[in-house]
Amino acid sequence: MAETLPDERPQQRREYAGPGLTFGVAVLVVGVVGFGIWFLEIRGDGGGVAGEAGFGVVALAESQNPTGEAPAAEVGRTAPAFRLRTPDGPATELTEYRGRYVLLNFWASWCGPCRGETPALQAFFERQSPGLVVVGVNQQEGAETAREFADGFGVTYPIALDADGQVSSAYRVSTGLPVSFLVDPEGVIRDIHLGALTDDDLAELAAELP
């Protein structure tokens, strides 16, 4: 780990720059505080909490990595393994779904396109089960928010809570939601889709499944 080194530059004499600078600094501070409050509000209850030990991205056994390369969020590479809480409390792991296709869908309740694609994802899950499972990875929102979203849209596929964003980071997902990854039965990523999935997108995906 890189160490933070002390600033070795000589101290420079500070000069008063007048009331304009003071006012500008005050406005900047107020803006930052306001943004922080807004950001926390849109994240919902409990969003962004620190992750629990043993949860988040987890190591993958060599026997579960068919590519022989380090897991990565790339087509042709083994999907990064994770263990996350569900809205009801129990844990779920990506490796639980080995032997089935998995459509990992990263989403949040504040994301309009996520809300728009959810009915199509639910219908797709119902049509393709049990050969395929949709796993909705909620990005840094609380259990109650995720549960209300699932209940409101009639979601019955598994929901996993990425409380601290560690899994999203491993999959290179930021605020550009939704993002979906198709993972094959051996755990290898076969497709990555940026943006909301439409009925046509899901029909094309279904046509590629055995």
N, C-alpha and C. Protein backbone atom coordinates (compact mmCIF):
# COMPACT_ATOMS: atom_id res chain seq x y z
N MET A 1 0.84 -1.18 0.00
CA MET A 1 0.00 0.00 0.00
C MET A 1 0.88 1.24 0.00
N ALA A 2 0.60 2.18 -0.90
CA ALA A 2 1.41 3.38 -0.97
C ALA A 2 1.19 4.22 0.26
N GLU A 3 2.27 4.80 0.75
CA GLU A 3 2.17 5.64 1.93
C GLU A 3 1.95 7.09 1.53
N THR A 4 1.22 7.80 2.37
CA THR A 4 1.01 9.21 2.12
C THR A 4 2.21 9.97 2.66
N LEU A 5 2.93 10.65 1.79
CA LEU A 5 4.14 11.34 2.20
C LEU A 5 3.81 12.77 2.59
N PRO A 6 4.55 13.31 3.53
CA PRO A 6 4.31 14.69 3.93
C PRO A 6 4.65 15.63 2.79
N ASP A 7 3.98 16.76 2.79
CA ASP A 7 4.25 17.76 1.77
C ASP A 7 5.58 18.42 2.09
N GLU A 8 6.57 18.24 1.19
CA GLU A 8 7.90 18.76 1.45
C GLU A 8 8.12 20.16 0.91
N ARG A 9 7.08 20.75 0.30
CA ARG A 9 7.25 22.09 -0.22
C ARG A 9 7.34 23.08 0.94
N PRO A 10 8.18 24.10 0.84
CA PRO A 10 8.29 25.08 1.92
C PRO A 10 6.98 25.82 2.11
N GLN A 11 6.69 26.16 3.35
CA GLN A 11 5.48 26.91 3.64
C GLN A 11 5.51 28.24 2.92
N GLN A 12 4.41 28.58 2.30
CA GLN A 12 4.32 29.84 1.60
C GLN A 12 3.49 30.82 2.41
N ARG A 13 3.85 32.09 2.34
CA ARG A 13 3.13 33.11 3.10
C ARG A 13 1.73 33.25 2.53
N ARG A 14 0.74 33.13 3.39
CA ARG A 14 -0.66 33.27 2.97
C ARG A 14 -1.05 34.74 2.97
N GLU A 15 -1.73 35.16 1.93
CA GLU A 15 -2.18 36.53 1.83
C GLU A 15 -3.69 36.57 1.74
N TYR A 16 -4.29 37.57 2.32
CA TYR A 16 -5.74 37.74 2.25
C TYR A 16 -6.12 38.16 0.84
N ALA A 17 -7.04 37.41 0.22
CA ALA A 17 -7.38 37.68 -1.17
C ALA A 17 -8.66 38.50 -1.30
N GLY A 18 -9.21 38.96 -0.20
CA GLY A 18 -10.38 39.80 -0.29
C GLY A 18 -11.67 39.05 -0.05
N PRO A 19 -12.82 39.76 0.08
CA PRO A 19 -14.11 39.13 0.39
C PRO A 19 -14.63 38.22 -0.71
N GLY A 20 -14.22 38.44 -1.96
CA GLY A 20 -14.72 37.61 -3.05
C GLY A 20 -14.34 36.16 -2.87
N LEU A 21 -13.09 35.91 -2.49
CA LEU A 21 -12.63 34.55 -2.30
C LEU A 21 -13.35 33.90 -1.13
N THR A 22 -13.54 34.65 -0.04
CA THR A 22 -14.23 34.10 1.13
C THR A 22 -15.65 33.70 0.79
N PHE A 23 -16.34 34.56 0.03
CA PHE A 23 -17.71 34.25 -0.37
C PHE A 23 -17.75 33.03 -1.28
N GLY A 24 -16.78 32.95 -2.20
CA GLY A 24 -16.75 31.80 -3.11
C GLY A 24 -16.55 30.50 -2.38
N VAL A 25 -15.68 30.49 -1.39
CA VAL A 25 -15.45 29.27 -0.59
C VAL A 25 -16.72 28.88 0.14
N ALA A 26 -17.43 29.87 0.70
CA ALA A 26 -18.67 29.58 1.43
C ALA A 26 -19.71 28.95 0.52
N VAL A 27 -19.85 29.49 -0.70
CA VAL A 27 -20.80 28.94 -1.66
C VAL A 27 -20.44 27.51 -2.02
N LEU A 28 -19.14 27.24 -2.21
CA LEU A 28 -18.68 25.90 -2.55
C LEU A 28 -19.02 24.91 -1.44
N VAL A 29 -18.78 25.31 -0.19
CA VAL A 29 -19.07 24.42 0.95
C VAL A 29 -20.55 24.10 1.02
N VAL A 30 -21.40 25.12 0.86
CA VAL A 30 -22.84 24.91 0.90
C VAL A 30 -23.27 23.97 -0.22
N GLY A 31 -22.69 24.15 -1.41
CA GLY A 31 -23.04 23.29 -2.54
C GLY A 31 -22.67 21.84 -2.30
N VAL A 32 -21.48 21.62 -1.75
CA VAL A 32 -21.04 20.25 -1.48
C VAL A 32 -21.94 19.58 -0.45
N VAL A 33 -22.27 20.31 0.62
CA VAL A 33 -23.15 19.76 1.66
C VAL A 33 -24.52 19.44 1.08
N GLY A 34 -25.04 20.36 0.26
CA GLY A 34 -26.36 20.13 -0.34
C GLY A 34 -26.36 18.91 -1.25
N PHE A 35 -25.30 18.76 -2.04
CA PHE A 35 -25.21 17.59 -2.91
C PHE A 35 -25.16 16.31 -2.10
N GLY A 36 -24.41 16.35 -0.99
CA GLY A 36 -24.31 15.15 -0.15
C GLY A 36 -25.65 14.74 0.40
N ILE A 37 -26.45 15.72 0.85
CA ILE A 37 -27.79 15.41 1.38
C ILE A 37 -28.67 14.83 0.29
N TRP A 38 -28.64 15.46 -0.90
CA TRP A 38 -29.44 14.95 -2.02
C TRP A 38 -29.04 13.55 -2.41
N PHE A 39 -27.74 13.28 -2.46
CA PHE A 39 -27.24 11.96 -2.86
C PHE A 39 -27.72 10.89 -1.89
N LEU A 40 -27.66 11.20 -0.58
CA LEU A 40 -28.10 10.22 0.41
C LEU A 40 -29.58 9.97 0.32
N GLU A 41 -30.35 11.00 -0.01
CA GLU A 41 -31.80 10.84 -0.10
C GLU A 41 -32.19 9.94 -1.25
N ILE A 42 -31.54 10.12 -2.43
CA ILE A 42 -31.94 9.29 -3.57
C ILE A 42 -31.46 7.86 -3.42
N ARG A 43 -30.49 7.63 -2.53
CA ARG A 43 -30.03 6.27 -2.32
C ARG A 43 -31.02 5.46 -1.50
N GLY A 44 -31.91 6.17 -0.78
CA GLY A 44 -32.90 5.43 -0.01
C GLY A 44 -32.36 5.00 1.33
N ASP A 45 -33.13 4.13 2.02
CA ASP A 45 -32.77 3.73 3.38
C ASP A 45 -31.56 2.83 3.39
N GLY A 46 -30.61 3.16 4.23
CA GLY A 46 -29.48 2.27 4.44
C GLY A 46 -28.53 2.15 3.29
N GLY A 47 -28.64 2.99 2.26
CA GLY A 47 -27.77 2.85 1.11
C GLY A 47 -26.33 3.21 1.45
N GLY A 48 -25.39 2.52 0.82
CA GLY A 48 -24.00 2.85 0.97
C GLY A 48 -23.38 2.44 2.29
N VAL A 49 -24.00 1.51 3.01
CA VAL A 49 -23.44 1.09 4.29
C VAL A 49 -22.22 0.22 4.05
N ALA A 50 -21.39 0.13 5.07
CA ALA A 50 -20.19 -0.69 4.95
C ALA A 50 -20.56 -2.15 4.79
N GLY A 51 -19.80 -2.88 3.99
CA GLY A 51 -20.08 -4.28 3.76
C GLY A 51 -19.73 -5.15 4.96
N GLU A 52 -20.42 -6.28 5.04
CA GLU A 52 -20.14 -7.24 6.11
C GLU A 52 -18.95 -8.11 5.73
N ALA A 53 -18.27 -8.60 6.75
CA ALA A 53 -17.17 -9.53 6.51
C ALA A 53 -17.72 -10.79 5.85
N GLY A 54 -17.03 -11.26 4.82
CA GLY A 54 -17.47 -12.47 4.13
C GLY A 54 -18.48 -12.20 3.04
N PHE A 55 -18.86 -10.93 2.84
CA PHE A 55 -19.81 -10.59 1.80
C PHE A 55 -19.13 -9.66 0.78
N GLY A 56 -19.73 -9.59 -0.39
CA GLY A 56 -19.14 -8.82 -1.48
C GLY A 56 -18.48 -9.77 -2.46
N VAL A 57 -17.40 -9.34 -3.08
CA VAL A 57 -16.66 -10.21 -4.00
C VAL A 57 -15.92 -11.26 -3.19
N VAL A 58 -16.02 -12.52 -3.60
CA VAL A 58 -15.36 -13.61 -2.88
C VAL A 58 -14.46 -14.39 -3.82
N ALA A 59 -13.52 -15.10 -3.22
CA ALA A 59 -12.57 -15.90 -4.02
C ALA A 59 -13.30 -17.05 -4.70
N LEU A 60 -12.82 -17.41 -5.86
CA LEU A 60 -13.40 -18.51 -6.63
C LEU A 60 -12.42 -19.67 -6.66
N ALA A 61 -12.91 -20.85 -6.30
CA ALA A 61 -12.06 -22.03 -6.32
C ALA A 61 -11.55 -22.30 -7.73
N GLU A 62 -10.34 -22.79 -7.84
CA GLU A 62 -9.74 -23.06 -9.15
C GLU A 62 -10.60 -24.02 -9.96
N SER A 63 -11.24 -24.97 -9.27
CA SER A 63 -12.08 -25.94 -9.96
C SER A 63 -13.34 -25.31 -10.54
N GLN A 64 -13.68 -24.09 -10.09
CA GLN A 64 -14.87 -23.41 -10.58
C GLN A 64 -14.53 -22.32 -11.60
N ASN A 65 -13.28 -22.31 -12.02
CA ASN A 65 -12.85 -21.30 -12.99
C ASN A 65 -12.39 -22.00 -14.27
N PRO A 66 -13.30 -22.18 -15.22
CA PRO A 66 -12.95 -22.95 -16.43
C PRO A 66 -11.98 -22.25 -17.37
N THR A 67 -11.80 -20.95 -17.24
CA THR A 67 -10.93 -20.23 -18.17
C THR A 67 -9.46 -20.27 -17.76
N GLY A 68 -9.18 -20.48 -16.49
CA GLY A 68 -7.81 -20.47 -16.00
C GLY A 68 -7.25 -19.07 -15.83
N GLU A 69 -8.04 -18.05 -16.18
CA GLU A 69 -7.62 -16.66 -15.99
C GLU A 69 -8.37 -16.06 -14.81
N ALA A 70 -7.85 -14.98 -14.29
CA ALA A 70 -8.52 -14.32 -13.17
C ALA A 70 -9.92 -13.86 -13.60
N PRO A 71 -10.92 -14.04 -12.74
CA PRO A 71 -12.27 -13.57 -13.08
C PRO A 71 -12.26 -12.09 -13.41
N ALA A 72 -13.07 -11.70 -14.39
CA ALA A 72 -13.14 -10.30 -14.80
C ALA A 72 -14.46 -10.06 -15.51
N ALA A 73 -14.89 -8.81 -15.51
CA ALA A 73 -16.15 -8.43 -16.14
C ALA A 73 -15.95 -8.24 -17.64
N GLU A 74 -15.56 -9.30 -18.33
CA GLU A 74 -15.31 -9.27 -19.76
C GLU A 74 -15.90 -10.51 -20.41
N VAL A 75 -16.33 -10.37 -21.64
CA VAL A 75 -16.83 -11.53 -22.38
C VAL A 75 -15.70 -12.54 -22.54
N GLY A 76 -16.00 -13.80 -22.23
CA GLY A 76 -15.02 -14.86 -22.33
C GLY A 76 -14.25 -15.12 -21.05
N ARG A 77 -14.46 -14.30 -20.02
CA ARG A 77 -13.80 -14.50 -18.73
C ARG A 77 -14.83 -14.97 -17.70
N THR A 78 -14.35 -15.68 -16.69
CA THR A 78 -15.23 -16.13 -15.62
C THR A 78 -15.76 -14.93 -14.85
N ALA A 79 -17.06 -14.92 -14.57
CA ALA A 79 -17.68 -13.81 -13.86
C ALA A 79 -17.16 -13.74 -12.42
N PRO A 80 -16.82 -12.56 -11.93
CA PRO A 80 -16.39 -12.43 -10.53
C PRO A 80 -17.44 -13.01 -9.58
N ALA A 81 -16.99 -13.85 -8.66
CA ALA A 81 -17.91 -14.49 -7.72
C ALA A 81 -18.27 -13.50 -6.62
N PHE A 82 -19.49 -13.63 -6.11
CA PHE A 82 -19.90 -12.75 -5.02
C PHE A 82 -20.87 -13.46 -4.08
N ARG A 83 -20.93 -12.94 -2.88
CA ARG A 83 -21.88 -13.38 -1.85
C ARG A 83 -22.52 -12.14 -1.26
N LEU A 84 -23.86 -12.03 -1.37
CA LEU A 84 -24.57 -10.84 -0.94
C LEU A 84 -25.83 -11.21 -0.17
N ARG A 85 -26.30 -10.28 0.63
CA ARG A 85 -27.57 -10.45 1.32
C ARG A 85 -28.72 -10.27 0.35
N THR A 86 -29.84 -10.91 0.65
CA THR A 86 -31.09 -10.66 -0.05
C THR A 86 -31.90 -9.68 0.80
N PRO A 87 -32.95 -9.07 0.26
CA PRO A 87 -33.74 -8.13 1.06
C PRO A 87 -34.33 -8.75 2.33
N ASP A 88 -34.55 -10.04 2.33
CA ASP A 88 -35.11 -10.71 3.50
C ASP A 88 -34.04 -11.20 4.47
N GLY A 89 -32.77 -11.03 4.15
CA GLY A 89 -31.70 -11.35 5.08
C GLY A 89 -30.75 -12.46 4.70
N PRO A 90 -31.25 -13.62 4.23
CA PRO A 90 -30.32 -14.71 3.89
C PRO A 90 -29.36 -14.31 2.78
N ALA A 91 -28.25 -15.04 2.70
CA ALA A 91 -27.24 -14.75 1.68
C ALA A 91 -27.54 -15.50 0.39
N THR A 92 -27.06 -14.94 -0.71
CA THR A 92 -27.11 -15.63 -1.99
C THR A 92 -25.75 -15.49 -2.64
N GLU A 93 -25.33 -16.52 -3.37
CA GLU A 93 -24.03 -16.52 -4.04
C GLU A 93 -24.20 -16.81 -5.52
N LEU A 94 -23.37 -16.20 -6.33
CA LEU A 94 -23.45 -16.42 -7.77
C LEU A 94 -23.22 -17.89 -8.11
N THR A 95 -22.32 -18.54 -7.40
CA THR A 95 -22.00 -19.94 -7.72
C THR A 95 -23.16 -20.89 -7.43
N GLU A 96 -24.16 -20.44 -6.69
CA GLU A 96 -25.34 -21.28 -6.45
C GLU A 96 -26.06 -21.63 -7.74
N TYR A 97 -25.86 -20.80 -8.75
CA TYR A 97 -26.61 -20.96 -9.99
C TYR A 97 -25.80 -21.65 -11.09
N ARG A 98 -24.66 -22.24 -10.74
CA ARG A 98 -23.90 -23.00 -11.73
C ARG A 98 -24.79 -24.10 -12.30
N GLY A 99 -24.65 -24.33 -13.59
CA GLY A 99 -25.49 -25.30 -14.28
C GLY A 99 -26.69 -24.66 -14.95
N ARG A 100 -26.88 -23.35 -14.71
CA ARG A 100 -27.96 -22.60 -15.34
C ARG A 100 -27.38 -21.32 -15.94
N TYR A 101 -28.05 -20.79 -16.94
CA TYR A 101 -27.69 -19.46 -17.41
C TYR A 101 -28.16 -18.44 -16.37
N VAL A 102 -27.37 -17.39 -16.19
CA VAL A 102 -27.71 -16.33 -15.24
C VAL A 102 -27.66 -15.00 -15.97
N LEU A 103 -28.73 -14.23 -15.83
CA LEU A 103 -28.74 -12.87 -16.35
C LEU A 103 -28.59 -11.94 -15.14
N LEU A 104 -27.37 -11.43 -14.94
CA LEU A 104 -27.11 -10.50 -13.84
C LEU A 104 -27.53 -9.11 -14.29
N ASN A 105 -28.44 -8.52 -13.55
CA ASN A 105 -28.97 -7.21 -13.91
C ASN A 105 -28.70 -6.22 -12.77
N PHE A 106 -27.80 -5.25 -13.01
CA PHE A 106 -27.48 -4.24 -12.01
C PHE A 106 -28.47 -3.09 -12.13
N TRP A 107 -29.11 -2.72 -11.01
CA TRP A 107 -30.19 -1.74 -11.05
C TRP A 107 -30.27 -0.96 -9.74
N ALA A 108 -31.10 0.09 -9.76
CA ALA A 108 -31.44 0.84 -8.55
C ALA A 108 -32.84 1.41 -8.73
N SER A 109 -33.52 1.66 -7.64
CA SER A 109 -34.91 2.10 -7.70
C SER A 109 -35.05 3.51 -8.28
N TRP A 110 -34.00 4.35 -8.15
CA TRP A 110 -34.05 5.71 -8.66
C TRP A 110 -33.78 5.79 -10.16
N CYS A 111 -33.41 4.67 -10.75
CA CYS A 111 -33.04 4.61 -12.17
C CYS A 111 -34.28 4.38 -13.03
N GLY A 112 -34.66 5.41 -13.82
CA GLY A 112 -35.84 5.30 -14.66
C GLY A 112 -35.79 4.15 -15.65
N PRO A 113 -34.70 3.99 -16.42
CA PRO A 113 -34.62 2.86 -17.35
C PRO A 113 -34.71 1.49 -16.65
N CYS A 114 -34.20 1.41 -15.41
CA CYS A 114 -34.31 0.16 -14.65
C CYS A 114 -35.77 -0.18 -14.40
N ARG A 115 -36.53 0.83 -14.01
CA ARG A 115 -37.95 0.62 -13.75
C ARG A 115 -38.67 0.22 -15.04
N GLY A 116 -38.25 0.83 -16.14
CA GLY A 116 -38.90 0.53 -17.40
C GLY A 116 -38.67 -0.89 -17.89
N GLU A 117 -37.50 -1.45 -17.60
CA GLU A 117 -37.18 -2.79 -18.12
C GLU A 117 -37.64 -3.92 -17.20
N THR A 118 -37.98 -3.60 -15.95
CA THR A 118 -38.28 -4.65 -14.97
C THR A 118 -39.44 -5.56 -15.38
N PRO A 119 -40.57 -5.05 -15.88
CA PRO A 119 -41.64 -5.97 -16.30
C PRO A 119 -41.18 -6.96 -17.37
N ALA A 120 -40.37 -6.50 -18.32
CA ALA A 120 -39.86 -7.39 -19.36
C ALA A 120 -38.92 -8.43 -18.77
N LEU A 121 -38.10 -8.04 -17.80
CA LEU A 121 -37.19 -8.99 -17.15
C LEU A 121 -37.97 -10.05 -16.39
N GLN A 122 -39.03 -9.63 -15.70
CA GLN A 122 -39.84 -10.59 -14.95
C GLN A 122 -40.50 -11.60 -15.89
N ALA A 123 -41.05 -11.10 -17.00
CA ALA A 123 -41.69 -12.00 -17.98
C ALA A 123 -40.66 -12.95 -18.59
N PHE A 124 -39.47 -12.43 -18.87
CA PHE A 124 -38.39 -13.25 -19.44
C PHE A 124 -38.00 -14.35 -18.46
N PHE A 125 -37.87 -14.00 -17.20
CA PHE A 125 -37.53 -14.98 -16.16
C PHE A 125 -38.59 -16.08 -16.09
N GLU A 126 -39.85 -15.71 -16.15
CA GLU A 126 -40.92 -16.70 -16.08
C GLU A 126 -40.90 -17.64 -17.29
N ARG A 127 -40.56 -17.09 -18.47
CA ARG A 127 -40.54 -17.92 -19.68
C ARG A 127 -39.34 -18.86 -19.70
N GLN A 128 -38.19 -18.39 -19.23
CA GLN A 128 -36.94 -19.14 -19.39
C GLN A 128 -36.62 -20.04 -18.20
N SER A 129 -37.26 -19.85 -17.07
CA SER A 129 -37.01 -20.70 -15.91
C SER A 129 -37.50 -22.13 -16.21
N PRO A 130 -36.78 -23.17 -15.74
CA PRO A 130 -35.65 -23.15 -14.82
C PRO A 130 -34.27 -23.13 -15.49
N GLY A 131 -34.22 -23.06 -16.82
CA GLY A 131 -32.91 -23.09 -17.48
C GLY A 131 -32.11 -21.82 -17.30
N LEU A 132 -32.80 -20.73 -16.99
CA LEU A 132 -32.14 -19.44 -16.79
C LEU A 132 -32.75 -18.76 -15.57
N VAL A 133 -31.91 -18.07 -14.83
CA VAL A 133 -32.38 -17.28 -13.69
C VAL A 133 -31.89 -15.85 -13.85
N VAL A 134 -32.78 -14.91 -13.58
CA VAL A 134 -32.40 -13.49 -13.52
C VAL A 134 -32.01 -13.19 -12.08
N VAL A 135 -30.89 -12.53 -11.87
CA VAL A 135 -30.48 -12.09 -10.53
C VAL A 135 -30.34 -10.57 -10.58
N GLY A 136 -31.19 -9.89 -9.86
CA GLY A 136 -31.14 -8.44 -9.82
C GLY A 136 -30.19 -7.96 -8.73
N VAL A 137 -29.09 -7.31 -9.11
CA VAL A 137 -28.12 -6.81 -8.14
C VAL A 137 -28.43 -5.34 -7.88
N ASN A 138 -28.99 -5.07 -6.70
CA ASN A 138 -29.35 -3.70 -6.36
C ASN A 138 -28.11 -2.93 -5.92
N GLN A 139 -27.95 -1.75 -6.48
CA GLN A 139 -26.74 -0.97 -6.23
C GLN A 139 -26.93 0.01 -5.07
N GLN A 140 -26.40 -0.38 -3.90
CA GLN A 140 -26.24 0.49 -2.75
C GLN A 140 -27.53 1.14 -2.23
N GLU A 141 -28.59 0.35 -2.18
CA GLU A 141 -29.82 0.80 -1.53
C GLU A 141 -30.16 -0.16 -0.40
N GLY A 142 -31.04 0.26 0.47
CA GLY A 142 -31.40 -0.55 1.62
C GLY A 142 -32.37 -1.67 1.27
N ALA A 143 -32.51 -2.61 2.20
CA ALA A 143 -33.37 -3.78 1.99
C ALA A 143 -34.82 -3.37 1.79
N GLU A 144 -35.28 -2.40 2.57
CA GLU A 144 -36.68 -1.98 2.45
C GLU A 144 -36.97 -1.38 1.08
N THR A 145 -36.06 -0.55 0.59
CA THR A 145 -36.23 0.06 -0.73
C THR A 145 -36.28 -1.02 -1.81
N ALA A 146 -35.36 -1.97 -1.75
CA ALA A 146 -35.33 -3.05 -2.74
C ALA A 146 -36.58 -3.92 -2.66
N ARG A 147 -37.04 -4.18 -1.44
CA ARG A 147 -38.23 -5.01 -1.25
C ARG A 147 -39.48 -4.32 -1.80
N GLU A 148 -39.60 -3.03 -1.53
CA GLU A 148 -40.75 -2.28 -2.04
C GLU A 148 -40.75 -2.25 -3.56
N PHE A 149 -39.57 -2.10 -4.14
CA PHE A 149 -39.47 -2.11 -5.60
C PHE A 149 -39.92 -3.46 -6.15
N ALA A 150 -39.39 -4.54 -5.58
CA ALA A 150 -39.74 -5.88 -6.06
C ALA A 150 -41.23 -6.15 -5.91
N ASP A 151 -41.79 -5.76 -4.78
CA ASP A 151 -43.23 -5.98 -4.56
C ASP A 151 -44.05 -5.15 -5.55
N GLY A 152 -43.62 -3.92 -5.79
CA GLY A 152 -44.37 -3.04 -6.68
C GLY A 152 -44.41 -3.53 -8.11
N PHE A 153 -43.36 -4.22 -8.55
CA PHE A 153 -43.29 -4.72 -9.92
C PHE A 153 -43.57 -6.22 -10.02
N GLY A 154 -43.92 -6.83 -8.91
CA GLY A 154 -44.21 -8.27 -8.94
C GLY A 154 -43.00 -9.12 -9.26
N VAL A 155 -41.82 -8.69 -8.83
CA VAL A 155 -40.58 -9.40 -9.13
C VAL A 155 -40.49 -10.66 -8.27
N THR A 156 -40.24 -11.80 -8.92
CA THR A 156 -40.06 -13.05 -8.19
C THR A 156 -38.66 -13.64 -8.38
N TYR A 157 -37.86 -13.02 -9.25
CA TYR A 157 -36.48 -13.51 -9.39
C TYR A 157 -35.64 -13.01 -8.21
N PRO A 158 -34.50 -13.65 -7.94
CA PRO A 158 -33.69 -13.28 -6.77
C PRO A 158 -33.14 -11.86 -6.86
N ILE A 159 -33.13 -11.19 -5.71
CA ILE A 159 -32.55 -9.86 -5.57
C ILE A 159 -31.37 -9.95 -4.60
N ALA A 160 -30.24 -9.36 -4.97
CA ALA A 160 -29.05 -9.32 -4.11
C ALA A 160 -28.69 -7.87 -3.84
N LEU A 161 -28.30 -7.57 -2.59
CA LEU A 161 -28.02 -6.20 -2.17
C LEU A 161 -26.52 -5.92 -2.16
N ASP A 162 -26.08 -5.12 -3.12
CA ASP A 162 -24.66 -4.71 -3.16
C ASP A 162 -24.52 -3.46 -2.30
N ALA A 163 -24.51 -3.67 -0.97
CA ALA A 163 -24.62 -2.57 -0.01
C ALA A 163 -23.52 -1.53 -0.13
N ASP A 164 -22.29 -1.97 -0.34
CA ASP A 164 -21.18 -1.01 -0.38
C ASP A 164 -20.63 -0.79 -1.79
N GLY A 165 -21.28 -1.38 -2.78
CA GLY A 165 -20.85 -1.16 -4.17
C GLY A 165 -19.64 -1.96 -4.60
N GLN A 166 -19.17 -2.88 -3.76
CA GLN A 166 -17.97 -3.65 -4.09
C GLN A 166 -18.17 -4.53 -5.32
N VAL A 167 -19.34 -5.16 -5.41
CA VAL A 167 -19.61 -6.04 -6.56
C VAL A 167 -19.78 -5.20 -7.83
N SER A 168 -20.49 -4.09 -7.71
CA SER A 168 -20.64 -3.19 -8.86
C SER A 168 -19.28 -2.75 -9.38
N SER A 169 -18.37 -2.44 -8.47
CA SER A 169 -17.03 -2.03 -8.86
C SER A 169 -16.31 -3.14 -9.60
N ALA A 170 -16.44 -4.38 -9.11
CA ALA A 170 -15.79 -5.52 -9.75
C ALA A 170 -16.31 -5.75 -11.16
N TYR A 171 -17.59 -5.40 -11.37
CA TYR A 171 -18.20 -5.55 -12.69
C TYR A 171 -18.13 -4.26 -13.51
N ARG A 172 -17.38 -3.28 -12.99
CA ARG A 172 -17.17 -2.00 -13.68
C ARG A 172 -18.47 -1.27 -13.95
N VAL A 173 -19.38 -1.36 -13.01
CA VAL A 173 -20.67 -0.69 -13.11
C VAL A 173 -20.66 0.51 -12.17
N SER A 174 -20.96 1.69 -12.69
CA SER A 174 -21.01 2.87 -11.84
C SER A 174 -22.46 3.34 -11.75
N THR A 175 -22.73 4.58 -12.14
CA THR A 175 -24.11 5.07 -12.09
C THR A 175 -24.82 4.93 -13.43
N GLY A 176 -24.14 4.38 -14.43
CA GLY A 176 -24.75 4.20 -15.74
C GLY A 176 -25.61 2.95 -15.77
N LEU A 177 -26.69 2.96 -15.03
CA LEU A 177 -27.57 1.81 -14.92
C LEU A 177 -28.71 1.89 -15.93
N PRO A 178 -29.30 0.72 -16.27
CA PRO A 178 -28.92 -0.64 -15.87
C PRO A 178 -27.83 -1.21 -16.76
N VAL A 179 -27.17 -2.25 -16.24
CA VAL A 179 -26.18 -3.01 -17.00
C VAL A 179 -26.45 -4.48 -16.73
N SER A 180 -26.41 -5.30 -17.77
CA SER A 180 -26.71 -6.72 -17.61
C SER A 180 -25.60 -7.59 -18.20
N PHE A 181 -25.35 -8.72 -17.53
CA PHE A 181 -24.34 -9.69 -17.96
C PHE A 181 -24.99 -11.06 -18.09
N LEU A 182 -24.79 -11.70 -19.24
CA LEU A 182 -25.27 -13.06 -19.40
C LEU A 182 -24.12 -14.01 -19.07
N VAL A 183 -24.33 -14.84 -18.06
CA VAL A 183 -23.31 -15.78 -17.58
C VAL A 183 -23.78 -17.19 -17.93
N ASP A 184 -22.90 -17.98 -18.55
CA ASP A 184 -23.31 -19.32 -18.97
C ASP A 184 -23.26 -20.32 -17.80
N PRO A 185 -23.72 -21.55 -18.01
CA PRO A 185 -23.79 -22.52 -16.91
C PRO A 185 -22.44 -22.85 -16.26
N GLU A 186 -21.32 -22.56 -16.95
CA GLU A 186 -20.00 -22.80 -16.36
C GLU A 186 -19.46 -21.57 -15.65
N GLY A 187 -20.22 -20.48 -15.68
CA GLY A 187 -19.80 -19.27 -14.98
C GLY A 187 -19.05 -18.27 -15.83
N VAL A 188 -19.05 -18.45 -17.14
CA VAL A 188 -18.32 -17.56 -18.05
C VAL A 188 -19.27 -16.52 -18.65
N ILE A 189 -18.82 -15.27 -18.70
CA ILE A 189 -19.63 -14.19 -19.26
C ILE A 189 -19.70 -14.33 -20.78
N ARG A 190 -20.93 -14.37 -21.30
CA ARG A 190 -21.13 -14.55 -22.74
C ARG A 190 -21.61 -13.29 -23.44
N ASP A 191 -22.18 -12.36 -22.69
CA ASP A 191 -22.68 -11.14 -23.31
C ASP A 191 -22.79 -10.05 -22.24
N ILE A 192 -22.60 -8.80 -22.65
CA ILE A 192 -22.76 -7.65 -21.77
C ILE A 192 -23.67 -6.66 -22.49
N HIS A 193 -24.70 -6.20 -21.80
CA HIS A 193 -25.65 -5.26 -22.40
C HIS A 193 -25.71 -4.00 -21.55
N LEU A 194 -25.41 -2.86 -22.16
CA LEU A 194 -25.47 -1.57 -21.48
C LEU A 194 -26.81 -0.92 -21.76
N GLY A 195 -27.48 -0.48 -20.72
CA GLY A 195 -28.78 0.16 -20.89
C GLY A 195 -29.92 -0.82 -20.69
N ALA A 196 -31.14 -0.30 -20.79
CA ALA A 196 -32.34 -1.11 -20.54
C ALA A 196 -32.51 -2.19 -21.61
N LEU A 197 -32.89 -3.36 -21.17
CA LEU A 197 -33.19 -4.47 -22.08
C LEU A 197 -34.64 -4.35 -22.55
N THR A 198 -34.84 -4.42 -23.85
CA THR A 198 -36.19 -4.36 -24.42
C THR A 198 -36.69 -5.77 -24.67
N ASP A 199 -37.96 -5.87 -25.03
CA ASP A 199 -38.52 -7.18 -25.39
C ASP A 199 -37.75 -7.78 -26.56
N ASP A 200 -37.37 -6.95 -27.53
CA ASP A 200 -36.61 -7.45 -28.68
C ASP A 200 -35.23 -7.95 -28.26
N ASP A 201 -34.57 -7.22 -27.36
CA ASP A 201 -33.27 -7.66 -26.86
C ASP A 201 -33.38 -9.02 -26.19
N LEU A 202 -34.39 -9.18 -25.36
CA LEU A 202 -34.57 -10.43 -24.63
C LEU A 202 -34.96 -11.57 -25.56
N ALA A 203 -35.71 -11.26 -26.62
CA ALA A 203 -36.06 -12.30 -27.59
C ALA A 203 -34.81 -12.79 -28.32
N GLU A 204 -33.91 -11.87 -28.67
CA GLU A 204 -32.65 -12.26 -29.32
C GLU A 204 -31.81 -13.09 -28.37
N LEU A 205 -31.78 -12.69 -27.11
CA LEU A 205 -31.01 -13.44 -26.12
C LEU A 205 -31.56 -14.85 -25.97
N ALA A 206 -32.88 -14.97 -25.90
CA ALA A 206 -33.52 -16.28 -25.75
C ALA A 206 -33.21 -17.19 -26.94
N ALA A 207 -33.11 -16.59 -28.12
CA ALA A 207 -32.84 -17.38 -29.34
C ALA A 207 -31.44 -17.97 -29.30
N GLU A 208 -30.53 -17.36 -28.53
CA GLU A 208 -29.17 -17.85 -28.46
C GLU A 208 -29.01 -18.96 -27.41
N LEU A 209 -30.00 -19.11 -26.54
CA LEU A 209 -29.91 -20.13 -25.50
C LEU A 209 -30.25 -21.50 -26.07
N PRO A 210 -29.65 -22.56 -25.54
CA PRO A 210 -29.95 -23.91 -26.06
C PRO A 210 -31.36 -24.36 -25.70
